[in-house]
Amino acid sequence: MAAAKVVLVFDIWQDIQRNILVYILLILVVLSAFSVIYFTHLNRQSTSAREVLLTERDELDIEWRNLLLEQNSLAEHSSIENKAIKKLNMKRPDAKSEIIITLQ
């Protein structure tokens, strides 16, 4: 019985040695399949992160345009003049109250 087990183990070892190339190729195929799965996962994560960044960029671009419009509307001369008159009770000086200074 023990001799049969030894012979069986020896036969299995010889079979492995004869087909070592097949086993190596099998291991390489399995490793290749797992690497494809891993890199596909990384690609999907990167694509998702890119989409999030593009959406954030678009939102910031819209906010920037709105801020430019607000800046332009606040910088208009009539808007500044109206605020000076209403909030600060300012008025335009008349010709009599103007003083002209000349430099020598």
PDB file of N, CA and C in Angstrom:
ATOM      1  N   MET A   1       0.825  -1.186   0.000  1.00  0.00           N
ATOM      2  CA  MET A   1       0.000   0.000   0.000  1.00  0.00           C
ATOM      3  C   MET A   1       0.869   1.249   0.000  1.00  0.00           C
ATOM      4  N   ALA A   2       1.892   1.274   0.835  1.00  0.00           N
ATOM      5  CA  ALA A   2       2.780   2.416   0.904  1.00  0.00           C
ATOM      6  C   ALA A   2       3.579   2.546  -0.379  1.00  0.00           C
ATOM      7  N   ALA A   3       3.945   1.417  -0.961  1.00  0.00           N
ATOM      8  CA  ALA A   3       4.712   1.448  -2.208  1.00  0.00           C
ATOM      9  C   ALA A   3       3.852   1.998  -3.341  1.00  0.00           C
ATOM     10  N   ALA A   4       2.562   1.710  -3.312  1.00  0.00           N
ATOM     11  CA  ALA A   4       1.657   2.215  -4.346  1.00  0.00           C
ATOM     12  C   ALA A   4       1.518   3.721  -4.243  1.00  0.00           C
ATOM     13  N   LYS A   5       1.513   4.248  -3.031  1.00  0.00           N
ATOM     14  CA  LYS A   5       1.428   5.693  -2.827  1.00  0.00           C
ATOM     15  C   LYS A   5       2.693   6.384  -3.333  1.00  0.00           C
ATOM     16  N   VAL A   6       3.832   5.783  -3.072  1.00  0.00           N
ATOM     17  CA  VAL A   6       5.100   6.347  -3.520  1.00  0.00           C
ATOM     18  C   VAL A   6       5.147   6.357  -5.047  1.00  0.00           C
ATOM     19  N   VAL A   7       4.700   5.258  -5.660  1.00  0.00           N
ATOM     20  CA  VAL A   7       4.682   5.172  -7.113  1.00  0.00           C
ATOM     21  C   VAL A   7       3.718   6.210  -7.691  1.00  0.00           C
ATOM     22  N   LEU A   8       2.573   6.393  -7.041  1.00  0.00           N
ATOM     23  CA  LEU A   8       1.598   7.375  -7.515  1.00  0.00           C
ATOM     24  C   LEU A   8       2.180   8.784  -7.446  1.00  0.00           C
ATOM     25  N   VAL A   9       2.833   9.127  -6.358  1.00  0.00           N
ATOM     26  CA  VAL A   9       3.451  10.433  -6.219  1.00  0.00           C
ATOM     27  C   VAL A   9       4.540  10.614  -7.276  1.00  0.00           C
ATOM     28  N   PHE A  10       5.326   9.578  -7.511  1.00  0.00           N
ATOM     29  CA  PHE A  10       6.386   9.628  -8.511  1.00  0.00           C
ATOM     30  C   PHE A  10       5.807   9.828  -9.905  1.00  0.00           C
ATOM     31  N   ASP A  11       4.699   9.132 -10.206  1.00  0.00           N
ATOM     32  CA  ASP A  11       4.049   9.280 -11.519  1.00  0.00           C
ATOM     33  C   ASP A  11       3.492  10.699 -11.698  1.00  0.00           C
ATOM     34  N   ILE A  12       2.919  11.263 -10.626  1.00  0.00           N
ATOM     35  CA  ILE A  12       2.397  12.630 -10.698  1.00  0.00           C
ATOM     36  C   ILE A  12       3.539  13.613 -10.936  1.00  0.00           C
ATOM     37  N   TRP A  13       4.641  13.409 -10.236  1.00  0.00           N
ATOM     38  CA  TRP A  13       5.800  14.312 -10.409  1.00  0.00           C
ATOM     39  C   TRP A  13       6.361  14.231 -11.843  1.00  0.00           C
ATOM     40  N   GLN A  14       6.406  13.049 -12.409  1.00  0.00           N
ATOM     41  CA  GLN A  14       6.879  12.903 -13.791  1.00  0.00           C
ATOM     42  C   GLN A  14       5.906  13.578 -14.759  1.00  0.00           C
ATOM     43  N   ASP A  15       4.615  13.455 -14.488  1.00  0.00           N
ATOM     44  CA  ASP A  15       3.608  14.092 -15.341  1.00  0.00           C
ATOM     45  C   ASP A  15       3.753  15.617 -15.290  1.00  0.00           C
ATOM     46  N   ILE A  16       4.010  16.154 -14.110  1.00  0.00           N
ATOM     47  CA  ILE A  16       4.219  17.604 -13.957  1.00  0.00           C
ATOM     48  C   ILE A  16       5.456  18.035 -14.740  1.00  0.00           C
ATOM     49  N   GLN A  17       6.534  17.252 -14.651  1.00  0.00           N
ATOM     50  CA  GLN A  17       7.757  17.606 -15.369  1.00  0.00           C
ATOM     51  C   GLN A  17       7.556  17.568 -16.886  1.00  0.00           C
ATOM     52  N   ARG A  18       6.789  16.601 -17.376  1.00  0.00           N
ATOM     53  CA  ARG A  18       6.552  16.499 -18.816  1.00  0.00           C
ATOM     54  C   ARG A  18       5.694  17.651 -19.323  1.00  0.00           C
ATOM     55  N   ASN A  19       4.767  18.146 -18.497  1.00  0.00           N
ATOM     56  CA  ASN A  19       3.821  19.178 -18.940  1.00  0.00           C
ATOM     57  C   ASN A  19       4.076  20.531 -18.260  1.00  0.00           C
ATOM     58  N   ILE A  20       5.327  20.788 -17.878  1.00  0.00           N
ATOM     59  CA  ILE A  20       5.651  22.022 -17.156  1.00  0.00           C
ATOM     60  C   ILE A  20       5.315  23.256 -17.996  1.00  0.00           C
ATOM     61  N   LEU A  21       5.537  23.178 -19.301  1.00  0.00           N
ATOM     62  CA  LEU A  21       5.242  24.311 -20.173  1.00  0.00           C
ATOM     63  C   LEU A  21       3.743  24.629 -20.169  1.00  0.00           C
ATOM     64  N   VAL A  22       2.924  23.618 -20.169  1.00  0.00           N
ATOM     65  CA  VAL A  22       1.472  23.815 -20.144  1.00  0.00           C
ATOM     66  C   VAL A  22       1.050  24.469 -18.828  1.00  0.00           C
ATOM     67  N   TYR A  23       1.623  24.030 -17.731  1.00  0.00           N
ATOM     68  CA  TYR A  23       1.278  24.611 -16.426  1.00  0.00           C
ATOM     69  C   TYR A  23       1.736  26.070 -16.319  1.00  0.00           C
ATOM     70  N   ILE A  24       2.929  26.342 -16.851  1.00  0.00           N
ATOM     71  CA  ILE A  24       3.419  27.726 -16.830  1.00  0.00           C
ATOM     72  C   ILE A  24       2.514  28.624 -17.670  1.00  0.00           C
ATOM     73  N   LEU A  25       2.132  28.136 -18.838  1.00  0.00           N
ATOM     74  CA  LEU A  25       1.226  28.920 -19.691  1.00  0.00           C
ATOM     75  C   LEU A  25      -0.130  29.130 -19.021  1.00  0.00           C
ATOM     76  N   LEU A  26      -0.614  28.126 -18.326  1.00  0.00           N
ATOM     77  CA  LEU A  26      -1.884  28.243 -17.617  1.00  0.00           C
ATOM     78  C   LEU A  26      -1.801  29.313 -16.530  1.00  0.00           C
ATOM     79  N   ILE A  27      -0.712  29.309 -15.783  1.00  0.00           N
ATOM     80  CA  ILE A  27      -0.523  30.316 -14.737  1.00  0.00           C
ATOM     81  C   ILE A  27      -0.430  31.712 -15.357  1.00  0.00           C
ATOM     82  N   LEU A  28       0.301  31.825 -16.467  1.00  0.00           N
ATOM     83  CA  LEU A  28       0.428  33.129 -17.141  1.00  0.00           C
ATOM     84  C   LEU A  28      -0.913  33.629 -17.681  1.00  0.00           C
ATOM     85  N   VAL A  29      -1.731  32.737 -18.189  1.00  0.00           N
ATOM     86  CA  VAL A  29      -3.058  33.122 -18.683  1.00  0.00           C
ATOM     87  C   VAL A  29      -3.932  33.626 -17.537  1.00  0.00           C
ATOM     88  N   VAL A  30      -3.885  32.935 -16.407  1.00  0.00           N
ATOM     89  CA  VAL A  30      -4.679  33.357 -15.250  1.00  0.00           C
ATOM     90  C   VAL A  30      -4.193  34.714 -14.735  1.00  0.00           C
ATOM     91  N   LEU A  31      -2.877  34.906 -14.645  1.00  0.00           N
ATOM     92  CA  LEU A  31      -2.329  36.197 -14.217  1.00  0.00           C
ATOM     93  C   LEU A  31      -2.706  37.306 -15.197  1.00  0.00           C
ATOM     94  N   SER A  32      -2.674  36.990 -16.472  1.00  0.00           N
ATOM     95  CA  SER A  32      -3.058  37.972 -17.484  1.00  0.00           C
ATOM     96  C   SER A  32      -4.533  38.359 -17.333  1.00  0.00           C
ATOM     97  N   ALA A  33      -5.377  37.392 -17.060  1.00  0.00           N
ATOM     98  CA  ALA A  33      -6.807  37.672 -16.890  1.00  0.00           C
ATOM     99  C   ALA A  33      -7.037  38.567 -15.677  1.00  0.00           C
ATOM    100  N   PHE A  34      -6.346  38.277 -14.574  1.00  0.00           N
ATOM    101  CA  PHE A  34      -6.506  39.119 -13.390  1.00  0.00           C
ATOM    102  C   PHE A  34      -5.957  40.523 -13.615  1.00  0.00           C
ATOM    103  N   SER A  35      -4.876  40.637 -14.370  1.00  0.00           N
ATOM    104  CA  SER A  35      -4.340  41.983 -14.660  1.00  0.00           C
ATOM    105  C   SER A  35      -5.291  42.771 -15.545  1.00  0.00           C
ATOM    106  N   VAL A  36      -5.951  42.120 -16.480  1.00  0.00           N
ATOM    107  CA  VAL A  36      -6.945  42.810 -17.313  1.00  0.00           C
ATOM    108  C   VAL A  36      -8.098  43.308 -16.448  1.00  0.00           C
ATOM    109  N   ILE A  37      -8.547  42.487 -15.526  1.00  0.00           N
ATOM    110  CA  ILE A  37      -9.626  42.893 -14.622  1.00  0.00           C
ATOM    111  C   ILE A  37      -9.193  44.075 -13.773  1.00  0.00           C
ATOM    112  N   TYR A  38      -7.988  44.031 -13.243  1.00  0.00           N
ATOM    113  CA  TYR A  38      -7.486  45.097 -12.374  1.00  0.00           C
ATOM    114  C   TYR A  38      -7.352  46.412 -13.133  1.00  0.00           C
ATOM    115  N   PHE A  39      -6.745  46.359 -14.318  1.00  0.00           N
ATOM    116  CA  PHE A  39      -6.543  47.593 -15.067  1.00  0.00           C
ATOM    117  C   PHE A  39      -7.848  48.145 -15.637  1.00  0.00           C
ATOM    118  N   THR A  40      -8.805  47.283 -15.923  1.00  0.00           N
ATOM    119  CA  THR A  40     -10.126  47.761 -16.327  1.00  0.00           C
ATOM    120  C   THR A  40     -10.793  48.503 -15.174  1.00  0.00           C
ATOM    121  N   HIS A  41     -10.641  47.976 -13.980  1.00  0.00           N
ATOM    122  CA  HIS A  41     -11.185  48.640 -12.785  1.00  0.00           C
ATOM    123  C   HIS A  41     -10.536  50.007 -12.585  1.00  0.00           C
ATOM    124  N   LEU A  42      -9.208  50.071 -12.703  1.00  0.00           N
ATOM    125  CA  LEU A  42      -8.509  51.357 -12.575  1.00  0.00           C
ATOM    126  C   LEU A  42      -8.958  52.350 -13.640  1.00  0.00           C
ATOM    127  N   ASN A  43      -9.154  51.866 -14.852  1.00  0.00           N
ATOM    128  CA  ASN A  43      -9.603  52.732 -15.941  1.00  0.00           C
ATOM    129  C   ASN A  43     -10.989  53.301 -15.651  1.00  0.00           C
ATOM    130  N   ARG A  44     -11.875  52.487 -15.143  1.00  0.00           N
ATOM    131  CA  ARG A  44     -13.223  52.965 -14.820  1.00  0.00           C
ATOM    132  C   ARG A  44     -13.194  53.986 -13.690  1.00  0.00           C
ATOM    133  N   GLN A  45     -12.351  53.746 -12.695  1.00  0.00           N
ATOM    134  CA  GLN A  45     -12.232  54.725 -11.610  1.00  0.00           C
ATOM    135  C   GLN A  45     -11.674  56.047 -12.124  1.00  0.00           C
ATOM    136  N   SER A  46     -10.686  55.983 -12.978  1.00  0.00           N
ATOM    137  CA  SER A  46     -10.089  57.205 -13.536  1.00  0.00           C
ATOM    138  C   SER A  46     -11.099  57.957 -14.395  1.00  0.00           C
ATOM    139  N   THR A  47     -11.870  57.229 -15.167  1.00  0.00           N
ATOM    140  CA  THR A  47     -12.887  57.861 -16.003  1.00  0.00           C
ATOM    141  C   THR A  47     -13.941  58.533 -15.137  1.00  0.00           C
ATOM    142  N   SER A  48     -14.328  57.875 -14.069  1.00  0.00           N
ATOM    143  CA  SER A  48     -15.313  58.456 -13.158  1.00  0.00           C
ATOM    144  C   SER A  48     -14.765  59.721 -12.498  1.00  0.00           C
ATOM    145  N   ALA A  49     -13.528  59.673 -12.049  1.00  0.00           N
ATOM    146  CA  ALA A  49     -12.917  60.857 -11.432  1.00  0.00           C
ATOM    147  C   ALA A  49     -12.789  61.987 -12.442  1.00  0.00           C
ATOM    148  N   ARG A  50     -12.484  61.663 -13.680  1.00  0.00           N
ATOM    149  CA  ARG A  50     -12.379  62.681 -14.736  1.00  0.00           C
ATOM    150  C   ARG A  50     -13.729  63.352 -14.969  1.00  0.00           C
ATOM    151  N   GLU A  51     -14.782  62.570 -14.995  1.00  0.00           N
ATOM    152  CA  GLU A  51     -16.119  63.136 -15.196  1.00  0.00           C
ATOM    153  C   GLU A  51     -16.491  64.081 -14.060  1.00  0.00           C
ATOM    154  N   VAL A  52     -16.139  63.699 -12.837  1.00  0.00           N
ATOM    155  CA  VAL A  52     -16.413  64.567 -11.683  1.00  0.00           C
ATOM    156  C   VAL A  52     -15.654  65.879 -11.823  1.00  0.00           C
ATOM    157  N   LEU A  53     -14.392  65.793 -12.225  1.00  0.00           N
ATOM    158  CA  LEU A  53     -13.587  67.006 -12.395  1.00  0.00           C
ATOM    159  C   LEU A  53     -14.109  67.879 -13.532  1.00  0.00           C
ATOM    160  N   LEU A  54     -14.564  67.265 -14.613  1.00  0.00           N
ATOM    161  CA  LEU A  54     -15.123  68.052 -15.718  1.00  0.00           C
ATOM    162  C   LEU A  54     -16.412  68.753 -15.296  1.00  0.00           C
ATOM    163  N   THR A  55     -17.227  68.075 -14.517  1.00  0.00           N
ATOM    164  CA  THR A  55     -18.457  68.698 -14.015  1.00  0.00           C
ATOM    165  C   THR A  55     -18.122  69.859 -13.098  1.00  0.00           C
ATOM    166  N   GLU A  56     -17.141  69.669 -12.220  1.00  0.00           N
ATOM    167  CA  GLU A  56     -16.731  70.748 -11.320  1.00  0.00           C
ATOM    168  C   GLU A  56     -16.159  71.929 -12.103  1.00  0.00           C
ATOM    169  N   ARG A  57     -15.396  71.636 -13.154  1.00  0.00           N
ATOM    170  CA  ARG A  57     -14.853  72.701 -13.994  1.00  0.00           C
ATOM    171  C   ARG A  57     -15.973  73.506 -14.656  1.00  0.00           C
ATOM    172  N   ASP A  58     -16.992  72.805 -15.158  1.00  0.00           N
ATOM    173  CA  ASP A  58     -18.116  73.496 -15.789  1.00  0.00           C
ATOM    174  C   ASP A  58     -18.858  74.377 -14.788  1.00  0.00           C
ATOM    175  N   GLU A  59     -19.050  73.863 -13.567  1.00  0.00           N
ATOM    176  CA  GLU A  59     -19.731  74.662 -12.539  1.00  0.00           C
ATOM    177  C   GLU A  59     -18.919  75.900 -12.175  1.00  0.00           C
ATOM    178  N   LEU A  60     -17.611  75.740 -12.070  1.00  0.00           N
ATOM    179  CA  LEU A  60     -16.753  76.891 -11.763  1.00  0.00           C
ATOM    180  C   LEU A  60     -16.734  77.893 -12.913  1.00  0.00           C
ATOM    181  N   ASP A  61     -16.795  77.399 -14.129  1.00  0.00           N
ATOM    182  CA  ASP A  61     -16.836  78.291 -15.292  1.00  0.00           C
ATOM    183  C   ASP A  61     -18.120  79.111 -15.295  1.00  0.00           C
ATOM    184  N   ILE A  62     -19.236  78.471 -14.962  1.00  0.00           N
ATOM    185  CA  ILE A  62     -20.516  79.192 -14.891  1.00  0.00           C
ATOM    186  C   ILE A  62     -20.466  80.239 -13.784  1.00  0.00           C
ATOM    187  N   GLU A  63     -19.913  79.858 -12.622  1.00  0.00           N
ATOM    188  CA  GLU A  63     -19.799  80.807 -11.519  1.00  0.00           C
ATOM    189  C   GLU A  63     -18.905  81.989 -11.909  1.00  0.00           C
ATOM    190  N   TRP A  64     -17.809  81.718 -12.615  1.00  0.00           N
ATOM    191  CA  TRP A  64     -16.901  82.773 -13.063  1.00  0.00           C
ATOM    192  C   TRP A  64     -17.617  83.746 -14.002  1.00  0.00           C
ATOM    193  N   ARG A  65     -18.395  83.217 -14.914  1.00  0.00           N
ATOM    194  CA  ARG A  65     -19.136  84.090 -15.846  1.00  0.00           C
ATOM    195  C   ARG A  65     -20.151  84.951 -15.095  1.00  0.00           C
ATOM    196  N   ASN A  66     -20.818  84.352 -14.118  1.00  0.00           N
ATOM    197  CA  ASN A  66     -21.773  85.126 -13.328  1.00  0.00           C
ATOM    198  C   ASN A  66     -21.073  86.229 -12.526  1.00  0.00           C
ATOM    199  N   LEU A  67     -19.908  85.926 -11.994  1.00  0.00           N
ATOM    200  CA  LEU A  67     -19.156  86.940 -11.251  1.00  0.00           C
ATOM    201  C   LEU A  67     -18.676  88.060 -12.174  1.00  0.00           C
ATOM    202  N   LEU A  68     -18.292  87.722 -13.393  1.00  0.00           N
ATOM    203  CA  LEU A  68     -17.897  88.757 -14.353  1.00  0.00           C
ATOM    204  C   LEU A  68     -19.068  89.669 -14.691  1.00  0.00           C
ATOM    205  N   LEU A  69     -20.239  89.066 -14.887  1.00  0.00           N
ATOM    206  CA  LEU A  69     -21.430  89.869 -15.172  1.00  0.00           C
ATOM    207  C   LEU A  69     -21.759  90.785 -14.000  1.00  0.00           C
ATOM    208  N   GLU A  70     -21.650  90.244 -12.782  1.00  0.00           N
ATOM    209  CA  GLU A  70     -21.928  91.054 -11.601  1.00  0.00           C
ATOM    210  C   GLU A  70     -20.905  92.179 -11.462  1.00  0.00           C
ATOM    211  N   GLN A  71     -19.649  91.882 -11.724  1.00  0.00           N
ATOM    212  CA  GLN A  71     -18.608  92.906 -11.648  1.00  0.00           C
ATOM    213  C   GLN A  71     -18.860  94.011 -12.675  1.00  0.00           C
ATOM    214  N   ASN A  72     -19.225  93.620 -13.878  1.00  0.00           N
ATOM    215  CA  ASN A  72     -19.498  94.626 -14.916  1.00  0.00           C
ATOM    216  C   ASN A  72     -20.698  95.491 -14.560  1.00  0.00           C
ATOM    217  N   SER A  73     -21.715  94.873 -13.990  1.00  0.00           N
ATOM    218  CA  SER A  73     -22.903  95.663 -13.637  1.00  0.00           C
ATOM    219  C   SER A  73     -22.606  96.596 -12.460  1.00  0.00           C
ATOM    220  N   LEU A  74     -21.769  96.156 -11.511  1.00  0.00           N
ATOM    221  CA  LEU A  74     -21.436  97.009 -10.377  1.00  0.00           C
ATOM    222  C   LEU A  74     -20.460  98.115 -10.765  1.00  0.00           C
ATOM    223  N   ALA A  75     -19.684  97.904 -11.799  1.00  0.00           N
ATOM    224  CA  ALA A  75     -18.686  98.893 -12.200  1.00  0.00           C
ATOM    225  C   ALA A  75     -19.248  99.953 -13.156  1.00  0.00           C
ATOM    226  N   GLU A  76     -20.483  99.823 -13.551  1.00  0.00           N
ATOM    227  CA  GLU A  76     -21.063 100.829 -14.457  1.00  0.00           C
ATOM    228  C   GLU A  76     -21.143 102.178 -13.755  1.00  0.00           C
ATOM    229  N   HIS A  77     -20.879 103.223 -14.514  1.00  0.00           N
ATOM    230  CA  HIS A  77     -20.831 104.573 -13.963  1.00  0.00           C
ATOM    231  C   HIS A  77     -22.180 104.990 -13.354  1.00  0.00           C
ATOM    232  N   SER A  78     -23.251 104.652 -14.035  1.00  0.00           N
ATOM    233  CA  SER A  78     -24.562 105.067 -13.534  1.00  0.00           C
ATOM    234  C   SER A  78     -24.892 104.364 -12.210  1.00  0.00           C
ATOM    235  N   SER A  79     -24.488 103.116 -12.091  1.00  0.00           N
ATOM    236  CA  SER A  79     -24.735 102.380 -10.852  1.00  0.00           C
ATOM    237  C   SER A  79     -23.961 102.997  -9.690  1.00  0.00           C
ATOM    238  N   ILE A  80     -22.704 103.343  -9.940  1.00  0.00           N
ATOM    239  CA  ILE A  80     -21.885 103.971  -8.896  1.00  0.00           C
ATOM    240  C   ILE A  80     -22.448 105.340  -8.531  1.00  0.00           C
ATOM    241  N   GLU A  81     -22.855 106.077  -9.534  1.00  0.00           N
ATOM    242  CA  GLU A  81     -23.408 107.421  -9.275  1.00  0.00           C
ATOM    243  C   GLU A  81     -24.699 107.326  -8.472  1.00  0.00           C
ATOM    244  N   ASN A  82     -25.569 106.388  -8.819  1.00  0.00           N
ATOM    245  CA  ASN A  82     -26.832 106.227  -8.077  1.00  0.00           C
ATOM    246  C   ASN A  82     -26.572 105.834  -6.615  1.00  0.00           C
ATOM    247  N   LYS A  83     -25.615 104.972  -6.386  1.00  0.00           N
ATOM    248  CA  LYS A  83     -25.306 104.577  -5.007  1.00  0.00           C
ATOM    249  C   LYS A  83     -24.703 105.741  -4.227  1.00  0.00           C
ATOM    250  N   ALA A  84     -23.865 106.534  -4.882  1.00  0.00           N
ATOM    251  CA  ALA A  84     -23.267 107.698  -4.202  1.00  0.00           C
ATOM    252  C   ALA A  84     -24.349 108.702  -3.822  1.00  0.00           C
ATOM    253  N   ILE A  85     -25.311 108.892  -4.693  1.00  0.00           N
ATOM    254  CA  ILE A  85     -26.386 109.856  -4.409  1.00  0.00           C
ATOM    255  C   ILE A  85     -27.301 109.323  -3.305  1.00  0.00           C
ATOM    256  N   LYS A  86     -27.719 108.059  -3.406  1.00  0.00           N
ATOM    257  CA  LYS A  86     -28.697 107.514  -2.469  1.00  0.00           C
ATOM    258  C   LYS A  86     -28.096 107.178  -1.104  1.00  0.00           C
ATOM    259  N   LYS A  87     -26.968 106.496  -1.084  1.00  0.00           N
ATOM    260  CA  LYS A  87     -26.427 106.020   0.185  1.00  0.00           C
ATOM    261  C   LYS A  87     -25.551 107.047   0.886  1.00  0.00           C
ATOM    262  N   LEU A  88     -24.806 107.826   0.131  1.00  0.00           N
ATOM    263  CA  LEU A  88     -23.846 108.751   0.742  1.00  0.00           C
ATOM    264  C   LEU A  88     -24.278 110.208   0.673  1.00  0.00           C
ATOM    265  N   ASN A  89     -25.448 110.453   0.102  1.00  0.00           N
ATOM    266  CA  ASN A  89     -25.979 111.806  -0.061  1.00  0.00           C
ATOM    267  C   ASN A  89     -24.969 112.738  -0.751  1.00  0.00           C
ATOM    268  N   MET A  90     -24.318 112.216  -1.744  1.00  0.00           N
ATOM    269  CA  MET A  90     -23.355 113.014  -2.497  1.00  0.00           C
ATOM    270  C   MET A  90     -24.057 113.684  -3.666  1.00  0.00           C
ATOM    271  N   LYS A  91     -23.479 114.755  -4.172  1.00  0.00           N
ATOM    272  CA  LYS A  91     -24.023 115.426  -5.351  1.00  0.00           C
ATOM    273  C   LYS A  91     -22.868 115.957  -6.171  1.00  0.00           C
ATOM    274  N   ARG A  92     -23.150 116.272  -7.406  1.00  0.00           N
ATOM    275  CA  ARG A  92     -22.124 116.830  -8.285  1.00  0.00           C
ATOM    276  C   ARG A  92     -21.823 118.261  -7.862  1.00  0.00           C
ATOM    277  N   PRO A  93     -20.552 118.616  -7.862  1.00  0.00           N
ATOM    278  CA  PRO A  93     -20.226 120.013  -7.513  1.00  0.00           C
ATOM    279  C   PRO A  93     -20.608 120.944  -8.671  1.00  0.00           C
ATOM    280  N   ASP A  94     -21.079 122.132  -8.291  1.00  0.00           N
ATOM    281  CA  ASP A  94     -21.403 123.106  -9.340  1.00  0.00           C
ATOM    282  C   ASP A  94     -20.137 123.891  -9.699  1.00  0.00           C
ATOM    283  N   ALA A  95     -20.241 124.719 -10.693  1.00  0.00           N
ATOM    284  CA  ALA A  95     -19.071 125.448 -11.210  1.00  0.00           C
ATOM    285  C   ALA A  95     -18.503 126.404 -10.176  1.00  0.00           C
ATOM    286  N   LYS A  96     -19.332 126.949  -9.307  1.00  0.00           N
ATOM    287  CA  LYS A  96     -18.852 127.910  -8.313  1.00  0.00           C
ATOM    288  C   LYS A  96     -18.006 127.241  -7.222  1.00  0.00           C
ATOM    289  N   SER A  97     -18.315 125.994  -6.906  1.00  0.00           N
ATOM    290  CA  SER A  97     -17.587 125.332  -5.818  1.00  0.00           C
ATOM    291  C   SER A  97     -16.344 124.580  -6.309  1.00  0.00           C
ATOM    292  N   GLU A  98     -16.099 124.599  -7.585  1.00  0.00           N
ATOM    293  CA  GLU A  98     -14.911 123.916  -8.116  1.00  0.00           C
ATOM    294  C   GLU A  98     -13.682 124.784  -7.906  1.00  0.00           C
ATOM    295  N   ILE A  99     -12.589 124.189  -7.559  1.00  0.00           N
ATOM    296  CA  ILE A  99     -11.325 124.893  -7.394  1.00  0.00           C
ATOM    297  C   ILE A  99     -10.307 124.228  -8.339  1.00  0.00           C
ATOM    298  N   ILE A 100      -9.677 125.039  -9.145  1.00  0.00           N
ATOM    299  CA  ILE A 100      -8.702 124.529 -10.098  1.00  0.00           C
ATOM    300  C   ILE A 100      -7.319 124.827  -9.572  1.00  0.00           C
ATOM    301  N   ILE A 101      -6.483 123.814  -9.510  1.00  0.00           N
ATOM    302  CA  ILE A 101      -5.136 123.944  -9.005  1.00  0.00           C
ATOM    303  C   ILE A 101      -4.175 123.778 -10.185  1.00  0.00           C
ATOM    304  N   THR A 102      -3.271 124.715 -10.330  1.00  0.00           N
ATOM    305  CA  THR A 102      -2.266 124.619 -11.394  1.00  0.00           C
ATOM    306  C   THR A 102      -0.925 124.355 -10.783  1.00  0.00           C
ATOM    307  N   LEU A 103      -0.175 123.545 -11.428  1.00  0.00           N
ATOM    308  CA  LEU A 103       1.162 123.200 -10.960  1.00  0.00           C
ATOM    309  C   LEU A 103       2.183 124.044 -11.703  1.00  0.00           C
ATOM    310  N   GLN A 104       3.192 124.517 -11.003  1.00  0.00           N
ATOM    311  CA  GLN A 104       4.216 125.344 -11.644  1.00  0.00           C
ATOM    312  C   GLN A 104       5.452 124.572 -11.931  1.00  0.00           C
TER     313      GLN A 104
END
